[in-house]
Amino acid sequence: MSFLPIILMFVVLYFLMIRPQMKRQKEQKSMMDALTKGDEVVTAGGMLGKVTKVTDAYVTVEIANGTEVVVQKAAVSTLLPKGTIKSL
């Protein structure tokens, strides 16, 4: 009976912290795997750009006309809907 509160704390910890974090990691990985040429993205540094080339570990992002930056796939934080950059 004395172990019941400890077990209850671990169950609550799992459902409030561990499970949501695992779900976010899974969504982030699937988003990185689905990156294709022409997608509009936001990097971890806050740069907006259009993907011009995708390799296994790196993505080339065009941030301005004629200006391309190579970043790691893990640095891509958000995938934007098409046409977002032109509307800014």
N, C-alpha and C. Protein backbone atom coordinates (compact mmCIF):
# COMPACT_ATOMS: atom_id res chain seq x y z
N MET A 1 0.81 -1.20 0.00
CA MET A 1 0.00 0.00 0.00
C MET A 1 0.86 1.27 0.00
N SER A 2 2.03 1.18 0.58
CA SER A 2 2.88 2.37 0.65
C SER A 2 3.49 2.71 -0.72
N PHE A 3 3.53 1.76 -1.65
CA PHE A 3 4.06 2.02 -2.99
C PHE A 3 3.03 2.64 -3.92
N LEU A 4 1.78 2.64 -3.54
CA LEU A 4 0.72 3.14 -4.40
C LEU A 4 0.91 4.61 -4.79
N PRO A 5 1.24 5.53 -3.87
CA PRO A 5 1.46 6.93 -4.29
C PRO A 5 2.64 7.09 -5.26
N ILE A 6 3.68 6.31 -5.07
CA ILE A 6 4.84 6.41 -5.95
C ILE A 6 4.47 5.91 -7.36
N ILE A 7 3.75 4.81 -7.42
CA ILE A 7 3.31 4.27 -8.71
C ILE A 7 2.36 5.25 -9.39
N LEU A 8 1.48 5.86 -8.63
CA LEU A 8 0.55 6.86 -9.17
C LEU A 8 1.30 8.07 -9.73
N MET A 9 2.36 8.50 -9.06
CA MET A 9 3.16 9.64 -9.54
C MET A 9 3.83 9.30 -10.88
N PHE A 10 4.35 8.09 -11.02
CA PHE A 10 4.98 7.70 -12.27
C PHE A 10 3.96 7.62 -13.41
N VAL A 11 2.77 7.16 -13.12
CA VAL A 11 1.72 7.09 -14.14
C VAL A 11 1.34 8.50 -14.60
N VAL A 12 1.16 9.41 -13.66
CA VAL A 12 0.82 10.79 -14.00
C VAL A 12 1.96 11.44 -14.78
N LEU A 13 3.19 11.21 -14.35
CA LEU A 13 4.35 11.75 -15.05
C LEU A 13 4.40 11.25 -16.48
N TYR A 14 4.11 9.99 -16.70
CA TYR A 14 4.13 9.43 -18.05
C TYR A 14 3.10 10.12 -18.94
N PHE A 15 1.88 10.25 -18.45
CA PHE A 15 0.82 10.82 -19.29
C PHE A 15 0.92 12.33 -19.47
N LEU A 16 1.54 13.04 -18.53
CA LEU A 16 1.64 14.49 -18.64
C LEU A 16 2.93 14.98 -19.30
N MET A 17 4.01 14.20 -19.23
CA MET A 17 5.28 14.69 -19.75
C MET A 17 5.89 13.79 -20.83
N ILE A 18 6.03 12.54 -20.56
CA ILE A 18 6.78 11.66 -21.45
C ILE A 18 6.01 11.36 -22.73
N ARG A 19 4.76 11.00 -22.62
CA ARG A 19 3.97 10.64 -23.80
C ARG A 19 3.80 11.80 -24.79
N PRO A 20 3.45 13.02 -24.34
CA PRO A 20 3.34 14.13 -25.30
C PRO A 20 4.67 14.46 -25.98
N GLN A 21 5.78 14.34 -25.25
CA GLN A 21 7.07 14.62 -25.84
C GLN A 21 7.41 13.60 -26.92
N MET A 22 7.12 12.35 -26.69
CA MET A 22 7.36 11.31 -27.69
C MET A 22 6.50 11.54 -28.92
N LYS A 23 5.28 12.01 -28.73
CA LYS A 23 4.39 12.29 -29.85
C LYS A 23 4.93 13.44 -30.70
N ARG A 24 5.43 14.52 -30.04
CA ARG A 24 6.00 15.65 -30.77
C ARG A 24 7.24 15.23 -31.55
N GLN A 25 8.10 14.39 -30.96
CA GLN A 25 9.29 13.92 -31.65
C GLN A 25 8.92 13.11 -32.89
N LYS A 26 7.89 12.29 -32.78
CA LYS A 26 7.45 11.48 -33.90
C LYS A 26 6.91 12.36 -35.03
N GLU A 27 6.14 13.40 -34.69
CA GLU A 27 5.62 14.32 -35.69
C GLU A 27 6.75 15.10 -36.37
N GLN A 28 7.75 15.53 -35.58
CA GLN A 28 8.89 16.27 -36.13
C GLN A 28 9.68 15.39 -37.10
N LYS A 29 9.90 14.14 -36.75
CA LYS A 29 10.64 13.22 -37.62
C LYS A 29 9.88 12.95 -38.92
N SER A 30 8.58 12.77 -38.83
CA SER A 30 7.80 12.53 -40.05
C SER A 30 7.79 13.77 -40.94
N MET A 31 7.79 14.98 -40.34
CA MET A 31 7.84 16.21 -41.11
C MET A 31 9.19 16.34 -41.82
N MET A 32 10.28 16.00 -41.13
CA MET A 32 11.60 16.08 -41.74
C MET A 32 11.75 15.07 -42.88
N ASP A 33 11.19 13.89 -42.71
CA ASP A 33 11.27 12.87 -43.76
C ASP A 33 10.43 13.25 -44.99
N ALA A 34 9.40 14.06 -44.79
CA ALA A 34 8.50 14.42 -45.88
C ALA A 34 8.92 15.70 -46.62
N LEU A 35 10.04 16.31 -46.24
CA LEU A 35 10.48 17.54 -46.91
C LEU A 35 10.80 17.26 -48.38
N THR A 36 10.29 18.13 -49.24
CA THR A 36 10.56 18.01 -50.67
C THR A 36 10.92 19.38 -51.23
N LYS A 37 11.43 19.39 -52.45
CA LYS A 37 11.79 20.63 -53.13
C LYS A 37 10.53 21.47 -53.32
N GLY A 38 10.63 22.76 -52.99
CA GLY A 38 9.50 23.66 -53.16
C GLY A 38 8.74 23.94 -51.87
N ASP A 39 9.01 23.17 -50.81
CA ASP A 39 8.34 23.41 -49.52
C ASP A 39 8.86 24.70 -48.91
N GLU A 40 8.00 25.40 -48.22
CA GLU A 40 8.39 26.62 -47.52
C GLU A 40 8.53 26.27 -46.04
N VAL A 41 9.68 26.66 -45.45
CA VAL A 41 10.00 26.24 -44.10
C VAL A 41 10.49 27.41 -43.26
N VAL A 42 10.48 27.19 -41.94
CA VAL A 42 11.09 28.09 -40.97
C VAL A 42 12.18 27.29 -40.27
N THR A 43 13.40 27.84 -40.20
CA THR A 43 14.48 27.14 -39.53
C THR A 43 14.48 27.48 -38.04
N ALA A 44 15.31 26.76 -37.30
CA ALA A 44 15.42 27.00 -35.86
C ALA A 44 15.94 28.40 -35.57
N GLY A 45 16.70 28.98 -36.49
CA GLY A 45 17.21 30.34 -36.33
C GLY A 45 16.21 31.41 -36.70
N GLY A 46 15.04 31.01 -37.21
CA GLY A 46 13.99 31.96 -37.54
C GLY A 46 13.99 32.40 -38.99
N MET A 47 14.83 31.80 -39.83
CA MET A 47 14.85 32.18 -41.24
C MET A 47 13.74 31.48 -42.00
N LEU A 48 13.06 32.25 -42.85
CA LEU A 48 12.03 31.70 -43.73
C LEU A 48 12.64 31.48 -45.09
N GLY A 49 12.28 30.39 -45.74
CA GLY A 49 12.81 30.15 -47.07
C GLY A 49 12.13 28.99 -47.76
N LYS A 50 12.52 28.80 -49.01
CA LYS A 50 11.97 27.73 -49.83
C LYS A 50 13.05 26.67 -50.05
N VAL A 51 12.68 25.42 -49.87
CA VAL A 51 13.62 24.31 -50.03
C VAL A 51 13.94 24.15 -51.52
N THR A 52 15.24 24.14 -51.84
CA THR A 52 15.65 23.96 -53.23
C THR A 52 16.33 22.62 -53.46
N LYS A 53 16.86 22.01 -52.41
CA LYS A 53 17.54 20.73 -52.56
C LYS A 53 17.47 19.98 -51.23
N VAL A 54 17.21 18.67 -51.31
CA VAL A 54 17.11 17.84 -50.12
C VAL A 54 18.07 16.66 -50.26
N THR A 55 18.93 16.47 -49.26
CA THR A 55 19.79 15.29 -49.20
C THR A 55 19.45 14.51 -47.94
N ASP A 56 20.25 13.51 -47.61
CA ASP A 56 19.95 12.68 -46.45
C ASP A 56 19.96 13.47 -45.14
N ALA A 57 20.97 14.30 -44.94
CA ALA A 57 21.12 15.00 -43.66
C ALA A 57 20.95 16.52 -43.77
N TYR A 58 21.02 17.06 -45.00
CA TYR A 58 21.00 18.51 -45.17
C TYR A 58 19.91 18.95 -46.14
N VAL A 59 19.52 20.22 -45.98
CA VAL A 59 18.51 20.84 -46.83
C VAL A 59 19.07 22.18 -47.28
N THR A 60 18.95 22.48 -48.57
CA THR A 60 19.35 23.78 -49.08
C THR A 60 18.10 24.65 -49.15
N VAL A 61 18.17 25.81 -48.48
CA VAL A 61 17.02 26.71 -48.38
C VAL A 61 17.36 28.03 -49.05
N GLU A 62 16.50 28.47 -49.97
CA GLU A 62 16.67 29.77 -50.62
C GLU A 62 15.96 30.81 -49.77
N ILE A 63 16.74 31.73 -49.18
CA ILE A 63 16.15 32.73 -48.29
C ILE A 63 15.89 34.05 -49.00
N ALA A 64 16.54 34.26 -50.14
CA ALA A 64 16.30 35.43 -50.99
C ALA A 64 16.67 35.02 -52.41
N ASN A 65 16.32 35.85 -53.37
CA ASN A 65 16.66 35.52 -54.76
C ASN A 65 18.18 35.39 -54.90
N GLY A 66 18.65 34.19 -55.26
CA GLY A 66 20.07 33.96 -55.45
C GLY A 66 20.85 33.69 -54.18
N THR A 67 20.21 33.68 -53.02
CA THR A 67 20.89 33.43 -51.76
C THR A 67 20.39 32.12 -51.18
N GLU A 68 21.29 31.14 -51.13
CA GLU A 68 20.92 29.84 -50.60
C GLU A 68 21.76 29.50 -49.38
N VAL A 69 21.15 28.82 -48.43
CA VAL A 69 21.81 28.43 -47.19
C VAL A 69 21.61 26.94 -47.02
N VAL A 70 22.67 26.24 -46.62
CA VAL A 70 22.58 24.81 -46.35
C VAL A 70 22.43 24.63 -44.85
N VAL A 71 21.36 23.95 -44.42
CA VAL A 71 21.11 23.70 -43.00
C VAL A 71 20.86 22.21 -42.79
N GLN A 72 21.03 21.76 -41.56
CA GLN A 72 20.71 20.38 -41.23
C GLN A 72 19.20 20.22 -41.23
N LYS A 73 18.75 19.01 -41.54
CA LYS A 73 17.31 18.75 -41.52
C LYS A 73 16.72 19.01 -40.14
N ALA A 74 17.49 18.72 -39.10
CA ALA A 74 17.01 18.92 -37.74
C ALA A 74 16.79 20.39 -37.41
N ALA A 75 17.39 21.29 -38.18
CA ALA A 75 17.22 22.73 -37.95
C ALA A 75 15.92 23.27 -38.53
N VAL A 76 15.22 22.47 -39.32
CA VAL A 76 13.92 22.89 -39.85
C VAL A 76 12.89 22.67 -38.76
N SER A 77 12.27 23.77 -38.30
CA SER A 77 11.34 23.64 -37.19
C SER A 77 9.88 23.59 -37.62
N THR A 78 9.52 24.27 -38.72
CA THR A 78 8.12 24.34 -39.12
C THR A 78 8.01 24.27 -40.64
N LEU A 79 7.02 23.56 -41.10
CA LEU A 79 6.68 23.50 -42.52
C LEU A 79 5.50 24.42 -42.74
N LEU A 80 5.67 25.43 -43.60
CA LEU A 80 4.62 26.43 -43.84
C LEU A 80 3.74 26.02 -45.01
N PRO A 81 2.50 26.51 -45.04
CA PRO A 81 1.65 26.27 -46.22
C PRO A 81 2.22 27.00 -47.44
N LYS A 82 1.97 26.45 -48.62
CA LYS A 82 2.49 27.04 -49.86
C LYS A 82 1.95 28.46 -50.02
N GLY A 83 2.83 29.37 -50.47
CA GLY A 83 2.44 30.75 -50.71
C GLY A 83 2.56 31.66 -49.51
N THR A 84 3.03 31.15 -48.38
CA THR A 84 3.14 31.96 -47.18
C THR A 84 4.19 33.04 -47.33
N ILE A 85 5.31 32.71 -47.92
CA ILE A 85 6.41 33.66 -48.04
C ILE A 85 6.02 34.83 -48.96
N LYS A 86 5.31 34.56 -50.03
CA LYS A 86 4.90 35.63 -50.95
C LYS A 86 3.90 36.57 -50.28
N SER A 87 3.12 36.07 -49.34
CA SER A 87 2.12 36.91 -48.70
C SER A 87 2.72 37.83 -47.62
N LEU A 88 3.98 37.60 -47.27
CA LEU A 88 4.61 38.44 -46.23
C LEU A 88 5.13 39.70 -46.79
